[in-house]
Amino acid sequence: MKAIRFHEFGGSEVLRYEDVEHPIPGPGQVRVRVAATSFNPVDDHIRAGVLAEMIPISLPYVPGIDLAGTVAELGADVRGFAVGDRVVAMLPLDCAGGAAEYVLVPAESLAPAPRTVDLVDGAALPLSGLAAWQTVFELAEVKPGQSVLVNGAGGAVGSLVVQLAVDAGAIVTAVDAPHNAERLRGYGADRVVGPLDLAEGPAAVGGPFHVVVNHVRVSPQELARLSDYVADGGVAASTAGPIPEDPARSVRSASLWVRSDAAQPAELVAKVDAGSLRLHIASRRMVAELAAVHEDAGAGRLPGKTVVIVP
């Protein structure tokens, strides 16, 4: 079968499209025929080697943490799935494998794919969806009636955070570039504003807020100023560096390291099929172009969530 692999850390040029052996499922594993994976920023960091200490991997490594595909073979002791089932999963970061024709998946990581979107587009959901779910419900503990500021609301995770918070009954202010404003209003955001001018302070955007969620890479000094946007007793949750706590005002801070989960993917899929969670896909590329996708991401040319189709 064909797969994208890298044999050493480095730039996008280390990615090779090559022949590899078909994987054989062991006990508790499922072999999935891959329809698509997607690009996530962590894919770039793993390939470059900057996460080698945090996420030890064996080389050669097949990237692609997100998966949408069809069950091809069941290992021993696997229950609840049958050959031909359409599935999605977040693959383990240390071995991944989505950028290949077939991949082995722990059965507990699989969830039925959404029925209301194309199978390949389901690959946009797992990692971003889990990151959004864990931010909203575990880190921030968003409750009905709370005010929530989402900085970087138009991105893959931010878009889902906005929708999950709205669905939870929160009053959401979405912060992003003007070209995303109509889409964010369509998600139910109560207010949509352009990039924050931190010198103006929280009152300029209707704050302070019970919850501030940040997905924008900024300097430590700017992260510190974001704590001013959190109301007394509130929480700042960030996927882009820690926002300092303010004990004097009982403001707590939480940072996300997304993890696989057995139940949350099914919850996310149910929301997609119910129409309360929409996936925004900026582009679709073929797996043979994955090196170019990594290069575009590194150069800031990737337009947003990119699904990578495996023919």
Protein backbone atom coordinates (compact mmCIF):
# COMPACT_ATOMS: atom_id res chain seq x y z
CA MET A 1 0.00 0.00 0.00
CA LYS A 2 0.98 3.68 -0.29
CA ALA A 3 1.69 6.00 2.62
CA ILE A 4 3.36 9.30 3.41
CA ARG A 5 6.25 8.81 5.85
CA PHE A 6 9.28 10.65 7.17
CA HIS A 7 12.46 8.86 8.18
CA GLU A 8 14.09 11.82 9.93
CA PHE A 9 12.95 15.11 11.44
CA GLY A 10 13.06 18.23 9.32
CA GLY A 11 11.12 20.45 6.97
CA SER A 12 8.33 19.43 4.62
CA GLU A 13 10.91 17.94 2.27
CA VAL A 14 11.38 14.91 4.58
CA LEU A 15 7.88 13.66 3.74
CA ARG A 16 7.98 10.80 1.22
CA TYR A 17 5.16 9.07 -0.66
CA GLU A 18 6.23 5.44 -0.68
CA ASP A 19 5.23 1.77 -0.54
CA VAL A 20 4.78 0.21 2.91
CA GLU A 21 3.48 -3.11 4.16
CA HIS A 22 -0.22 -3.65 4.85
CA PRO A 23 -0.86 -3.54 8.61
CA ILE A 24 -2.35 -6.60 10.32
CA PRO A 25 -4.71 -5.92 13.24
CA GLY A 26 -3.88 -7.43 16.62
CA PRO A 27 -6.26 -7.97 19.54
CA GLY A 28 -8.40 -4.91 20.16
CA GLN A 29 -7.37 -3.26 16.89
CA VAL A 30 -9.31 -2.43 13.75
CA ARG A 31 -7.82 -2.06 10.27
CA VAL A 32 -9.46 0.90 8.56
CA ARG A 33 -9.38 1.78 4.86
CA VAL A 34 -8.62 5.49 5.04
CA ALA A 35 -10.82 7.90 3.10
CA ALA A 36 -9.18 11.05 4.47
CA THR A 37 -7.10 12.57 7.21
CA SER A 38 -6.61 16.29 7.87
CA PHE A 39 -3.80 18.68 8.66
CA ASN A 40 -3.37 19.92 12.23
CA PRO A 41 -0.60 22.26 13.44
CA VAL A 42 0.72 19.51 15.72
CA ASP A 43 1.51 17.47 12.57
CA ASP A 44 4.02 20.15 11.61
CA HIS A 45 5.55 20.20 15.11
CA ILE A 46 5.93 16.41 15.24
CA ARG A 47 7.57 16.30 11.79
CA ALA A 48 9.98 19.10 12.70
CA GLY A 49 11.03 17.26 15.87
CA VAL A 50 10.13 20.08 18.27
CA LEU A 51 7.86 17.73 20.24
CA ALA A 52 10.27 14.77 20.27
CA GLU A 53 10.70 14.84 24.05
CA MET A 54 7.00 15.35 24.76
CA ILE A 55 5.76 12.87 22.13
CA PRO A 56 8.40 10.16 21.56
CA ILE A 57 7.83 8.51 18.17
CA SER A 58 9.44 5.68 16.23
CA LEU A 59 10.80 6.41 12.77
CA PRO A 60 9.71 6.06 10.04
CA TYR A 61 6.49 7.79 11.04
CA VAL A 62 3.23 8.16 9.11
CA PRO A 63 1.58 11.50 9.97
CA GLY A 64 -2.13 12.17 10.08
CA ILE A 65 -3.83 12.18 13.50
CA ASP A 66 -7.37 12.57 12.17
CA LEU A 67 -9.08 9.67 10.42
CA ALA A 68 -12.23 9.07 8.42
CA GLY A 69 -12.64 5.74 6.70
CA THR A 70 -14.27 2.33 6.47
CA VAL A 71 -13.66 -0.72 8.64
CA ALA A 72 -11.71 -3.29 6.61
CA GLU A 73 -10.79 -5.95 9.18
CA LEU A 74 -11.38 -6.63 12.87
CA GLY A 75 -8.75 -7.90 15.26
CA ALA A 76 -9.54 -10.42 17.99
CA ASP A 77 -11.87 -9.32 20.79
CA VAL A 78 -13.28 -6.33 18.91
CA ARG A 79 -17.01 -5.79 19.43
CA GLY A 80 -19.42 -3.17 18.22
CA PHE A 81 -18.05 -2.71 14.70
CA ALA A 82 -18.41 -4.64 11.45
CA VAL A 83 -16.54 -4.65 8.14
CA GLY A 84 -17.89 -1.82 6.01
CA ASP A 85 -18.78 0.51 8.89
CA ARG A 86 -17.95 4.18 8.29
CA VAL A 87 -15.88 5.51 11.18
CA VAL A 88 -13.86 8.47 12.45
CA ALA A 89 -11.11 8.61 15.06
CA MET A 90 -8.33 10.65 16.61
CA LEU A 91 -5.26 8.44 16.29
CA PRO A 92 -2.58 8.23 18.99
CA LEU A 93 -0.10 11.09 18.56
CA ASP A 94 2.93 8.85 19.01
CA CYS A 95 2.08 6.61 16.05
CA ALA A 96 -0.71 8.40 14.08
CA GLY A 97 -0.87 6.91 10.56
CA GLY A 98 -3.77 8.63 8.79
CA ALA A 99 -1.78 9.55 5.66
CA ALA A 100 -1.90 5.98 4.35
CA GLU A 101 -4.29 3.68 2.53
CA TYR A 102 -4.83 1.58 5.67
CA VAL A 103 -4.20 2.22 9.36
CA LEU A 104 -4.56 0.25 12.59
CA VAL A 105 -6.80 1.91 15.17
CA PRO A 106 -7.51 0.97 18.79
CA ALA A 107 -11.16 -0.03 18.75
CA GLU A 108 -11.94 2.24 21.70
CA SER A 109 -10.83 5.27 19.67
CA LEU A 110 -13.40 4.70 16.90
CA ALA A 111 -16.79 6.34 16.56
CA PRO A 112 -19.40 6.00 13.82
CA ALA A 113 -18.83 8.67 11.16
CA PRO A 114 -21.37 11.48 10.78
CA ARG A 115 -24.17 10.49 8.38
CA THR A 116 -24.96 14.03 7.25
CA VAL A 117 -21.58 14.97 5.73
CA ASP A 118 -19.33 13.30 3.16
CA LEU A 119 -17.10 10.67 4.72
CA VAL A 120 -13.92 12.53 3.74
CA ASP A 121 -15.18 15.68 5.46
CA GLY A 122 -15.61 13.71 8.68
CA ALA A 123 -11.81 13.79 8.96
CA ALA A 124 -12.09 17.46 9.98
CA LEU A 125 -13.88 16.54 13.21
CA PRO A 126 -11.86 14.29 15.57
CA LEU A 127 -8.88 16.28 16.92
CA SER A 128 -10.44 19.74 16.51
CA GLY A 129 -13.72 18.50 17.94
CA LEU A 130 -12.09 16.89 20.95
CA ALA A 131 -9.99 20.02 21.56
CA ALA A 132 -13.13 22.18 21.44
CA TRP A 133 -15.17 19.83 23.62
CA GLN A 134 -12.47 19.54 26.27
CA THR A 135 -11.94 23.32 26.26
CA VAL A 136 -15.62 24.17 26.65
CA PHE A 137 -16.77 21.48 29.05
CA GLU A 138 -13.65 20.40 30.98
CA LEU A 139 -11.35 23.42 31.15
CA ALA A 140 -13.87 26.27 31.08
CA GLU A 141 -16.92 24.38 32.43
CA VAL A 142 -19.20 26.66 30.41
CA LYS A 143 -22.71 27.00 31.84
CA PRO A 144 -25.97 28.48 30.48
CA GLY A 145 -26.13 32.25 30.67
CA GLN A 146 -22.38 32.77 31.02
CA SER A 147 -20.58 35.27 28.80
CA VAL A 148 -17.81 33.73 26.69
CA LEU A 149 -15.14 35.49 24.60
CA VAL A 150 -13.54 33.30 21.91
CA ASN A 151 -10.35 34.84 20.50
CA GLY A 152 -9.48 33.18 17.19
CA ALA A 153 -13.08 32.08 16.68
CA GLY A 154 -12.79 31.46 12.95
CA GLY A 155 -10.20 28.69 13.14
CA ALA A 156 -10.80 24.95 13.14
CA VAL A 157 -11.04 24.66 16.93
CA GLY A 158 -12.42 28.13 17.60
CA SER A 159 -15.34 27.60 15.21
CA LEU A 160 -16.36 24.50 17.13
CA VAL A 161 -15.85 26.19 20.51
CA VAL A 162 -18.26 28.95 19.46
CA GLN A 163 -20.91 26.42 18.43
CA LEU A 164 -20.53 24.22 21.51
CA ALA A 165 -20.70 27.24 23.81
CA VAL A 166 -23.80 28.58 22.02
CA ASP A 167 -25.40 25.13 22.19
CA ALA A 168 -24.63 25.07 25.94
CA GLY A 169 -26.60 28.29 26.40
CA ALA A 170 -23.70 30.74 26.68
CA ILE A 171 -23.65 34.32 25.37
CA VAL A 172 -20.74 34.28 22.93
CA THR A 173 -18.55 37.09 21.61
CA ALA A 174 -16.48 35.82 18.67
CA VAL A 175 -13.22 37.56 17.77
CA ASP A 176 -11.68 37.05 14.34
CA ALA A 177 -10.96 38.65 10.97
CA PRO A 178 -13.89 40.44 9.30
CA HIS A 179 -14.14 37.88 6.46
CA ASN A 180 -15.26 35.27 9.02
CA ALA A 181 -17.93 37.47 10.61
CA GLU A 182 -20.94 36.20 8.64
CA ARG A 183 -20.04 32.56 9.27
CA LEU A 184 -19.58 33.19 13.01
CA ARG A 185 -22.92 34.96 13.24
CA GLY A 186 -24.41 31.93 11.51
CA TYR A 187 -23.06 29.79 14.34
CA GLY A 188 -25.11 31.83 16.80
CA ALA A 189 -22.48 34.20 18.20
CA ASP A 190 -24.20 37.14 19.90
CA ARG A 191 -21.44 39.54 18.94
CA VAL A 192 -18.68 39.30 16.31
CA VAL A 193 -15.74 41.71 16.48
CA GLY A 194 -12.47 42.13 14.65
CA PRO A 195 -9.06 41.37 16.13
CA LEU A 196 -8.67 42.61 19.72
CA ASP A 197 -6.98 45.90 20.40
CA LEU A 198 -5.67 45.05 23.86
CA ALA A 199 -4.96 48.72 24.57
CA GLU A 200 -8.70 49.42 24.49
CA GLY A 201 -9.44 46.91 27.24
CA PRO A 202 -12.33 44.51 27.78
CA ALA A 203 -15.11 47.11 27.94
CA ALA A 204 -14.60 47.86 24.24
CA VAL A 205 -15.88 44.38 23.36
CA GLY A 206 -18.52 44.02 26.07
CA GLY A 207 -16.32 42.47 28.74
CA PRO A 208 -15.12 41.35 31.12
CA PHE A 209 -16.37 37.80 30.53
CA HIS A 210 -17.05 34.76 32.66
CA VAL A 211 -14.90 32.72 30.25
CA VAL A 212 -12.12 33.74 27.86
CA VAL A 213 -10.96 31.14 25.33
CA ASN A 214 -7.83 31.98 23.36
CA HIS A 215 -6.62 30.29 20.17
CA VAL A 216 -4.30 33.08 18.93
CA ARG A 217 -0.53 32.90 19.27
CA VAL A 218 0.55 36.15 20.91
CA SER A 219 3.42 37.31 23.09
CA PRO A 220 3.57 36.51 26.82
CA GLN A 221 2.86 40.17 27.52
CA GLU A 222 -0.30 40.05 25.41
CA LEU A 223 -1.38 36.80 27.07
CA ALA A 224 -1.03 38.55 30.42
CA ARG A 225 -3.29 41.37 29.25
CA LEU A 226 -5.95 38.83 28.25
CA SER A 227 -6.44 38.00 31.94
CA ASP A 228 -7.98 41.50 32.27
CA TYR A 229 -10.78 40.29 29.99
CA VAL A 230 -11.82 37.65 32.55
CA ALA A 231 -14.38 38.68 35.15
CA ASP A 232 -13.74 38.10 38.85
CA GLY A 233 -14.10 34.39 39.57
CA GLY A 234 -13.87 33.51 35.87
CA VAL A 235 -11.62 31.27 33.84
CA ALA A 236 -9.18 31.73 30.96
CA ALA A 237 -8.69 28.66 28.76
CA SER A 238 -6.03 28.68 26.06
CA THR A 239 -4.68 26.40 23.36
CA ALA A 240 -1.96 28.91 22.44
CA GLY A 241 0.08 29.47 25.58
CA PRO A 242 -0.97 30.02 29.20
CA ILE A 243 -2.91 33.10 30.25
CA PRO A 244 -1.68 34.08 33.75
CA GLU A 245 -3.99 33.55 36.69
CA ASP A 246 -5.04 36.43 38.93
CA PRO A 247 -5.53 34.98 42.44
CA ALA A 248 -6.55 38.35 43.83
CA ARG A 249 -9.65 38.23 41.60
CA SER A 250 -10.06 34.42 41.75
CA VAL A 251 -9.33 34.19 38.02
CA ARG A 252 -8.05 30.74 37.15
CA SER A 253 -6.23 29.62 34.02
CA ALA A 254 -6.25 26.33 32.12
CA SER A 255 -4.26 25.12 29.12
CA LEU A 256 -5.27 22.30 26.79
CA TRP A 257 -3.37 19.18 25.83
CA VAL A 258 -5.97 17.33 23.78
CA ARG A 259 -6.45 13.64 24.49
CA SER A 260 -8.33 10.81 22.82
CA ASP A 261 -11.59 9.85 24.50
CA ALA A 262 -13.97 6.94 24.08
CA ALA A 263 -17.27 8.82 24.55
CA GLN A 264 -16.72 12.39 23.34
CA PRO A 265 -16.35 11.60 19.57
CA ALA A 266 -19.79 9.98 19.56
CA GLU A 267 -21.23 13.08 21.27
CA LEU A 268 -19.64 15.30 18.64
CA VAL A 269 -20.89 13.15 15.76
CA ALA A 270 -24.41 13.26 17.21
CA LYS A 271 -24.27 17.07 17.27
CA VAL A 272 -23.09 17.15 13.64
CA ASP A 273 -25.94 14.88 12.58
CA ALA A 274 -28.43 16.96 14.60
CA GLY A 275 -27.27 20.13 12.83
CA SER A 276 -26.06 21.88 15.98
CA LEU A 277 -22.39 21.52 15.00
CA ARG A 278 -21.14 22.46 11.55
CA LEU A 279 -17.72 21.68 10.09
CA HIS A 280 -15.96 24.46 8.21
CA ILE A 281 -13.49 23.05 5.68
CA ALA A 282 -11.32 25.59 3.88
CA SER A 283 -9.72 23.22 1.37
CA ARG A 284 -9.43 19.61 0.27
CA ARG A 285 -6.12 18.25 -1.01
CA MET A 286 -4.86 14.83 -2.13
CA VAL A 287 -2.50 12.85 0.10
CA ALA A 288 0.24 13.01 -2.54
CA GLU A 289 0.22 16.79 -1.92
CA LEU A 290 0.78 16.47 1.84
CA ALA A 291 4.34 17.83 1.69
CA ALA A 292 2.96 20.91 -0.07
CA VAL A 293 0.25 21.23 2.61
CA HIS A 294 2.95 21.21 5.32
CA GLU A 295 4.97 23.75 3.36
CA ASP A 296 1.94 26.02 2.92
CA ALA A 297 1.16 25.77 6.64
CA GLY A 298 4.71 26.73 7.59
CA ALA A 299 4.57 29.72 5.26
CA GLY A 300 1.19 30.87 6.57
CA ARG A 301 -0.55 30.10 3.28
CA LEU A 302 -2.98 27.45 4.50
CA PRO A 303 -6.47 28.98 4.33
CA GLY A 304 -7.91 27.00 7.25
CA LYS A 305 -8.93 23.44 8.04
CA THR A 306 -7.56 21.24 5.26
CA VAL A 307 -8.89 17.75 4.61
CA VAL A 308 -6.37 15.40 2.97
CA ILE A 309 -8.06 12.79 0.77
CA VAL A 310 -6.57 9.31 0.45
CA PRO A 311 -7.71 7.76 -2.87
